[in-house]
Amino acid sequence: MFFAQEGLGPWTMIIVLVALFALMYFFLIRPRQKQQKEHEEMTKELKAGDRVITAGGIYGQIESLSEDSAVLKVESGAAIRVARGSILGKQGVTEGGREPF
């Protein structure tokens, strides 16, 4: 009858799997790799005096840097050492012209 069809051939399954992997790569893997590369470049460009925010939500100013850590001066005047990779980004001047802290 018209409705009776044979199963999908092996080439059809291979094409479907390749297409699925390609979609996963372009929508999941590639954007994450790009984001990691941008974060790595940002951490390499850090220098003393930059105002930053950490993954824990701590705002501070970099006092010194080592290969894998940074010493931040926070608002209270205390200095804390954080992992360089935990720095999410630099903070700039806010819209009102004030510093963030």
Protein backbone atom coordinates (compact mmCIF):
# COMPACT_ATOMS: atom_id res chain seq x y z
CA MET A 1 0.00 0.00 0.00
CA PHE A 2 0.91 3.66 -0.15
CA PHE A 3 1.56 3.96 3.60
CA ALA A 4 3.95 1.05 3.81
CA GLN A 5 7.52 2.34 3.71
CA GLU A 6 10.80 0.75 4.40
CA GLY A 7 13.01 1.97 7.26
CA LEU A 8 15.42 4.81 6.82
CA GLY A 9 18.61 3.87 5.05
CA PRO A 10 21.98 4.07 6.78
CA TRP A 11 22.99 7.14 4.77
CA THR A 12 19.92 9.05 5.89
CA MET A 13 20.73 8.36 9.54
CA ILE A 14 24.34 9.45 9.05
CA ILE A 15 23.22 12.71 7.41
CA VAL A 16 20.76 13.37 10.26
CA LEU A 17 23.46 12.77 12.88
CA VAL A 18 25.97 15.02 11.09
CA ALA A 19 23.35 17.76 10.76
CA LEU A 20 22.48 17.45 14.45
CA PHE A 21 26.14 17.70 15.46
CA ALA A 22 26.62 20.73 13.19
CA LEU A 23 23.65 22.48 14.81
CA MET A 24 24.99 21.74 18.30
CA TYR A 25 28.41 23.06 17.32
CA PHE A 26 27.15 26.35 15.89
CA PHE A 27 24.59 27.04 18.62
CA LEU A 28 26.30 25.69 21.74
CA ILE A 29 30.00 24.93 21.41
CA ARG A 30 31.24 27.75 19.18
CA PRO A 31 29.66 30.66 21.14
CA ARG A 32 31.05 29.29 24.43
CA GLN A 33 34.56 28.98 22.94
CA LYS A 34 34.34 32.57 21.70
CA GLN A 35 33.23 33.77 25.14
CA GLN A 36 36.10 31.90 26.84
CA LYS A 37 38.62 33.41 24.42
CA GLU A 38 37.32 36.95 25.07
CA HIS A 39 37.51 36.40 28.86
CA GLU A 40 41.06 35.06 28.57
CA GLU A 41 42.12 38.10 26.54
CA MET A 42 40.50 40.45 29.08
CA THR A 43 42.35 38.81 31.99
CA LYS A 44 45.65 39.11 30.11
CA GLU A 45 45.07 42.86 29.57
CA LEU A 46 44.44 43.63 33.26
CA LYS A 47 46.82 46.07 34.92
CA ALA A 48 47.21 47.75 38.29
CA GLY A 49 44.68 50.51 38.80
CA ASP A 50 41.86 48.86 36.80
CA ARG A 51 38.49 48.76 38.54
CA VAL A 52 36.95 45.30 38.25
CA ILE A 53 34.13 43.07 39.46
CA THR A 54 34.65 39.45 40.48
CA ALA A 55 32.42 36.43 39.98
CA GLY A 56 31.43 36.76 43.65
CA GLY A 57 30.14 40.29 43.08
CA ILE A 58 33.04 42.09 44.74
CA TYR A 59 33.98 45.46 43.29
CA GLY A 60 37.58 46.51 43.70
CA GLN A 61 40.63 48.16 42.23
CA ILE A 62 43.63 46.07 41.26
CA GLU A 63 46.67 46.81 43.40
CA SER A 64 48.94 44.11 42.04
CA LEU A 65 48.86 41.13 39.71
CA SER A 66 50.65 37.82 39.58
CA GLU A 67 50.41 35.07 37.01
CA ASP A 68 47.35 33.43 38.58
CA SER A 69 45.98 35.93 41.13
CA ALA A 70 45.23 39.58 41.75
CA VAL A 71 45.18 41.72 44.88
CA LEU A 72 42.12 43.96 44.99
CA LYS A 73 41.55 46.98 47.20
CA VAL A 74 37.88 47.16 48.15
CA GLU A 75 35.82 50.13 49.37
CA SER A 76 36.57 49.56 53.05
CA GLY A 77 40.29 49.81 52.30
CA ALA A 78 40.91 46.12 52.81
CA ALA A 79 42.98 44.20 50.31
CA ILE A 80 41.92 40.74 49.16
CA ARG A 81 43.59 38.22 46.88
CA VAL A 82 41.38 36.63 44.22
CA ALA A 83 42.01 34.20 41.40
CA ARG A 84 42.68 36.04 38.17
CA GLY A 85 40.10 33.91 36.36
CA SER A 86 37.36 34.96 38.79
CA ILE A 87 37.51 38.55 37.52
CA LEU A 88 34.48 38.93 35.26
CA GLY A 89 35.20 42.31 33.78
CA LYS A 90 36.39 45.85 34.11
CA GLN A 91 34.21 48.58 35.57
CA GLY A 92 34.17 52.06 34.12
CA VAL A 93 32.61 55.38 35.01
CA THR A 94 28.83 55.22 35.39
CA GLU A 95 26.35 57.34 33.41
CA GLY A 96 26.22 60.07 36.07
CA GLY A 97 29.98 60.55 35.84
CA ARG A 98 30.55 58.95 39.24
CA GLU A 99 32.85 56.06 39.95
CA PRO A 100 31.07 52.77 40.77
CA PHE A 101 32.41 52.82 44.37
